[in-house]
């Protein structure tokens, strides 16, 4: 079973999305230092198959070719 505890109004239950304007997360750095996470951005990620194709030059045999780039 998957559970989530969140304050009221944080999650749009119909779409199951977190409202980032309400969320305002913070991140722990080290010791007593924390960082506010105010800026958001999208970062496109390649799939494992795309990565293999790129590093193997199209040879999708399984492991990277080991060539230095």
C-alpha atoms as a PDB file:
ATOM      1  CA  UNK A   1       0.000   0.000   0.000  1.00  0.00           C
ATOM      2  CA  UNK A   2       1.265   3.469  -0.896  1.00  0.00           C
ATOM      3  CA  UNK A   3       0.582   6.328   1.498  1.00  0.00           C
ATOM      4  CA  UNK A   4       1.213  10.037   1.407  1.00  0.00           C
ATOM      5  CA  UNK A   5       0.886  12.585   4.180  1.00  0.00           C
ATOM      6  CA  UNK A   6       0.453  16.159   2.983  1.00  0.00           C
ATOM      7  CA  UNK A   7      -1.108  19.299   4.388  1.00  0.00           C
ATOM      8  CA  UNK A   8      -4.601  20.257   3.259  1.00  0.00           C
ATOM      9  CA  UNK A   9      -4.795  21.989  -0.133  1.00  0.00           C
ATOM     10  CA  UNK A  10      -1.375  20.801  -1.308  1.00  0.00           C
ATOM     11  CA  UNK A  11      -2.572  18.055  -3.663  1.00  0.00           C
ATOM     12  CA  UNK A  12      -5.192  18.284  -6.395  1.00  0.00           C
ATOM     13  CA  UNK A  13      -6.833  14.924  -5.678  1.00  0.00           C
ATOM     14  CA  UNK A  14      -8.695  14.826  -9.002  1.00  0.00           C
ATOM     15  CA  UNK A  15      -5.480  15.064 -11.036  1.00  0.00           C
ATOM     16  CA  UNK A  16      -3.078  13.742  -8.348  1.00  0.00           C
ATOM     17  CA  UNK A  17      -0.758  16.724  -8.863  1.00  0.00           C
ATOM     18  CA  UNK A  18       1.076  18.777  -6.262  1.00  0.00           C
ATOM     19  CA  UNK A  19       0.356  22.517  -6.352  1.00  0.00           C
ATOM     20  CA  UNK A  20       3.901  23.922  -6.481  1.00  0.00           C
ATOM     21  CA  UNK A  21       2.726  27.429  -5.529  1.00  0.00           C
ATOM     22  CA  UNK A  22       1.368  26.005  -2.268  1.00  0.00           C
ATOM     23  CA  UNK A  23       4.109  23.390  -1.694  1.00  0.00           C
ATOM     24  CA  UNK A  24       7.144  25.704  -1.296  1.00  0.00           C
ATOM     25  CA  UNK A  25       9.651  22.928  -0.494  1.00  0.00           C
ATOM     26  CA  UNK A  26      12.947  23.381   1.310  1.00  0.00           C
ATOM     27  CA  UNK A  27      16.046  21.224   1.031  1.00  0.00           C
ATOM     28  CA  UNK A  28      18.580  20.356   3.696  1.00  0.00           C
ATOM     29  CA  UNK A  29      22.148  21.141   2.709  1.00  0.00           C
ATOM     30  CA  UNK A  30      24.296  20.121   5.689  1.00  0.00           C
ATOM     31  CA  UNK A  31      24.518  20.892   9.380  1.00  0.00           C
ATOM     32  CA  UNK A  32      21.914  23.535  10.170  1.00  0.00           C
ATOM     33  CA  UNK A  33      21.793  24.941   6.621  1.00  0.00           C
ATOM     34  CA  UNK A  34      18.693  24.684   4.439  1.00  0.00           C
ATOM     35  CA  UNK A  35      17.792  26.091   1.017  1.00  0.00           C
ATOM     36  CA  UNK A  36      14.436  27.397  -0.190  1.00  0.00           C
ATOM     37  CA  UNK A  37      13.361  25.918  -3.521  1.00  0.00           C
ATOM     38  CA  UNK A  38      11.709  28.858  -5.260  1.00  0.00           C
ATOM     39  CA  UNK A  39      12.618  28.311  -8.923  1.00  0.00           C
ATOM     40  CA  UNK A  40      11.356  25.379 -10.977  1.00  0.00           C
ATOM     41  CA  UNK A  41      12.399  24.198 -14.418  1.00  0.00           C
ATOM     42  CA  UNK A  42      11.902  21.163 -16.643  1.00  0.00           C
ATOM     43  CA  UNK A  43      14.814  18.983 -17.644  1.00  0.00           C
ATOM     44  CA  UNK A  44      14.226  16.513 -20.467  1.00  0.00           C
ATOM     45  CA  UNK A  45      15.724  13.116 -19.676  1.00  0.00           C
ATOM     46  CA  UNK A  46      16.602  10.450 -22.168  1.00  0.00           C
ATOM     47  CA  UNK A  47      15.435   6.882 -21.666  1.00  0.00           C
ATOM     48  CA  UNK A  48      17.883   4.036 -21.066  1.00  0.00           C
ATOM     49  CA  UNK A  49      17.326   2.859 -24.660  1.00  0.00           C
ATOM     50  CA  UNK A  50      18.109   6.352 -25.994  1.00  0.00           C
ATOM     51  CA  UNK A  51      21.254   6.512 -23.865  1.00  0.00           C
ATOM     52  CA  UNK A  52      22.429   3.100 -25.094  1.00  0.00           C
ATOM     53  CA  UNK A  53      21.834   4.119 -28.703  1.00  0.00           C
ATOM     54  CA  UNK A  54      23.834   7.319 -28.152  1.00  0.00           C
ATOM     55  CA  UNK A  55      26.815   5.754 -26.367  1.00  0.00           C
ATOM     56  CA  UNK A  56      26.955   2.717 -28.645  1.00  0.00           C
ATOM     57  CA  UNK A  57      26.535   4.687 -31.851  1.00  0.00           C
ATOM     58  CA  UNK A  58      23.368   2.755 -32.650  1.00  0.00           C
ATOM     59  CA  UNK A  59      24.786  -0.631 -31.566  1.00  0.00           C
ATOM     60  CA  UNK A  60      22.194  -1.543 -28.930  1.00  0.00           C
ATOM     61  CA  UNK A  61      24.048  -4.717 -27.831  1.00  0.00           C
ATOM     62  CA  UNK A  62      23.667  -3.912 -24.149  1.00  0.00           C
ATOM     63  CA  UNK A  63      26.706  -2.291 -22.569  1.00  0.00           C
ATOM     64  CA  UNK A  64      28.404   0.977 -23.579  1.00  0.00           C
ATOM     65  CA  UNK A  65      31.260   0.622 -26.024  1.00  0.00           C
ATOM     66  CA  UNK A  66      33.807   1.968 -23.526  1.00  0.00           C
ATOM     67  CA  UNK A  67      35.078   4.598 -25.927  1.00  0.00           C
ATOM     68  CA  UNK A  68      36.202   7.851 -24.319  1.00  0.00           C
ATOM     69  CA  UNK A  69      34.455  10.997 -25.463  1.00  0.00           C
END
